[in-house]
Protein backbone atom coordinates (compact mmCIF):
# COMPACT_ATOMS: atom_id res chain seq x y z
CA UNK A 1 -2.23 17.14 9.25
CA UNK A 2 0.35 18.12 11.83
CA UNK A 3 2.17 16.14 14.43
CA UNK A 4 -0.48 18.32 17.12
CA UNK A 5 -3.36 16.93 15.21
CA UNK A 6 -2.06 13.26 15.52
CA UNK A 7 -1.56 14.03 18.78
CA UNK A 8 -5.13 15.07 19.64
CA UNK A 9 -6.60 12.06 17.48
CA UNK A 10 -4.76 9.65 19.40
CA UNK A 11 -5.08 10.97 22.61
CA UNK A 12 -8.56 12.11 22.99
CA UNK A 13 -10.58 10.40 19.80
CA UNK A 14 -9.33 7.13 20.23
CA UNK A 15 -8.57 7.20 23.86
CA UNK A 16 -11.30 4.54 24.81
CA UNK A 17 -10.81 2.09 21.74
CA UNK A 18 -9.39 -1.14 21.81
CA UNK A 19 -5.51 -1.43 22.06
CA UNK A 20 -5.16 -2.49 18.02
CA UNK A 21 -6.91 0.40 16.87
CA UNK A 22 -4.42 3.05 17.52
CA UNK A 23 -1.52 0.79 16.52
CA UNK A 24 -3.55 0.11 12.96
CA UNK A 25 -4.52 3.63 12.36
CA UNK A 26 -0.78 5.01 13.09
CA UNK A 27 0.58 2.21 10.72
CA UNK A 28 -1.74 3.40 7.98
CA UNK A 29 -1.30 6.87 8.46
CA UNK A 30 2.54 6.31 8.41
CA UNK A 31 2.35 4.04 5.28
CA UNK A 32 -0.15 6.66 3.40
CA UNK A 33 2.80 9.28 4.33
CA UNK A 34 5.45 7.35 3.20
CA UNK A 35 3.75 6.83 -0.21
CA UNK A 36 3.61 10.65 -0.72
CA UNK A 37 6.77 11.30 0.43
CA UNK A 38 8.26 8.77 -1.67
CA UNK A 39 6.05 9.42 -4.74
CA UNK A 40 4.63 12.82 -4.99
CA UNK A 41 6.88 15.00 -2.57
CA UNK A 42 8.68 17.38 -5.26
CA UNK A 43 5.06 17.82 -6.83
CA UNK A 44 2.55 18.62 -3.75
CA UNK A 45 5.44 20.94 -2.57
CA UNK A 46 5.28 22.53 -5.91
CA UNK A 47 1.60 22.79 -5.79
CA UNK A 48 1.16 23.87 -2.28
CA UNK A 49 4.38 24.97 -0.91
CA UNK A 50 4.45 22.92 1.86
CA UNK A 51 6.65 19.86 2.53
CA UNK A 52 5.21 16.68 3.25
CA UNK A 53 6.17 14.87 6.54
CA UNK A 54 4.48 12.10 8.33
CA UNK A 55 2.42 13.67 11.37
CA UNK A 56 3.33 10.19 13.38
CA UNK A 57 6.83 10.46 14.87
CA UNK A 58 8.40 8.43 17.51
CA UNK A 59 7.44 10.53 20.33
CA UNK A 60 3.33 10.16 19.46
CA UNK A 61 3.52 6.88 18.12
CA UNK A 62 1.55 4.06 19.82
CA UNK A 63 3.26 1.79 21.74
CA UNK A 64 3.91 -1.56 20.06
CA UNK A 65 4.01 -0.04 16.36
CA UNK A 66 6.25 -1.92 14.02
CA UNK A 67 7.60 -0.05 10.61
CA UNK A 68 4.76 0.58 8.09
CA UNK A 69 5.39 -1.44 4.94
CA UNK A 70 5.19 0.12 2.05
CA UNK A 71 3.81 -2.00 -1.19
CA UNK A 72 6.15 -1.36 -4.20
CA UNK A 73 4.73 -2.78 -7.32
CA UNK A 74 6.20 -5.80 -9.35
CA UNK A 75 8.43 -4.59 -12.38
CA UNK A 76 7.09 -5.27 -15.93
CA UNK A 77 9.48 -8.74 -16.18
CA UNK A 78 7.68 -9.76 -12.72
CA UNK A 79 4.47 -9.35 -14.04
CA UNK A 80 5.48 -11.01 -17.18
CA UNK A 81 6.76 -14.26 -15.40
CA UNK A 82 3.16 -13.90 -13.49
CA UNK A 83 1.20 -13.90 -16.25
CA UNK A 84 3.25 -16.35 -18.20
CA UNK A 85 2.83 -18.63 -15.46
CA UNK A 86 -0.98 -18.46 -15.15
CA UNK A 87 -0.85 -18.91 -19.32
CA UNK A 88 1.03 -22.24 -18.96
CA UNK A 89 -1.11 -23.47 -15.87
CA UNK A 90 -4.45 -23.15 -17.90
CA UNK A 91 -3.56 -26.29 -19.98
CA UNK A 92 -2.92 -28.55 -16.93
CA UNK A 93 -5.73 -27.37 -14.54
CA UNK A 94 -8.51 -30.21 -13.90
CA UNK A 95 -11.70 -27.92 -13.40
CA UNK A 96 -13.13 -25.39 -15.84
CA UNK A 97 -13.39 -22.81 -13.08
CA UNK A 98 -9.66 -22.12 -12.21
CA UNK A 99 -8.99 -22.41 -16.13
CA UNK A 100 -11.35 -19.71 -16.93
CA UNK A 101 -10.10 -17.25 -14.18
CA UNK A 102 -6.89 -17.55 -15.02
CA UNK A 103 -7.43 -17.36 -18.79
CA UNK A 104 -9.48 -14.08 -18.02
CA UNK A 105 -6.44 -12.74 -15.85
CA UNK A 106 -4.20 -13.27 -18.66
CA UNK A 107 -6.09 -11.99 -21.31
CA UNK A 108 -6.66 -8.76 -19.07
CA UNK A 109 -2.58 -7.80 -19.47
CA UNK A 110 -1.77 -5.99 -22.50
CA UNK A 111 0.60 -8.13 -24.33
CA UNK A 112 3.30 -5.28 -24.82
CA UNK A 113 3.46 -5.32 -20.64
CA UNK A 114 3.57 -9.21 -20.20
CA UNK A 115 6.17 -9.76 -22.86
């Protein structure tokens, strides 16, 4: 996908769509390409010989666009704190369902990753 493809998609395909649709789609594409650039740029270049770059640039970005937010997974200590907190809450829960849900979630995490 190149900028000309993005221009055709946003200019022709999404021409009559509600105003939020092009914005949402451009943010999704920006986030996807940001992920590819950050995590797989070198490997994809080695495999294909092409450099990954986002086709959504300043010139073809729909109005009202904000910077796409890349979701970065939590670190191992943060995951450990999360599951440790859930484990301690199981002792103070008043009903069975939340207790069972938290206990199940806590048991899904391998002990080595959660501390």
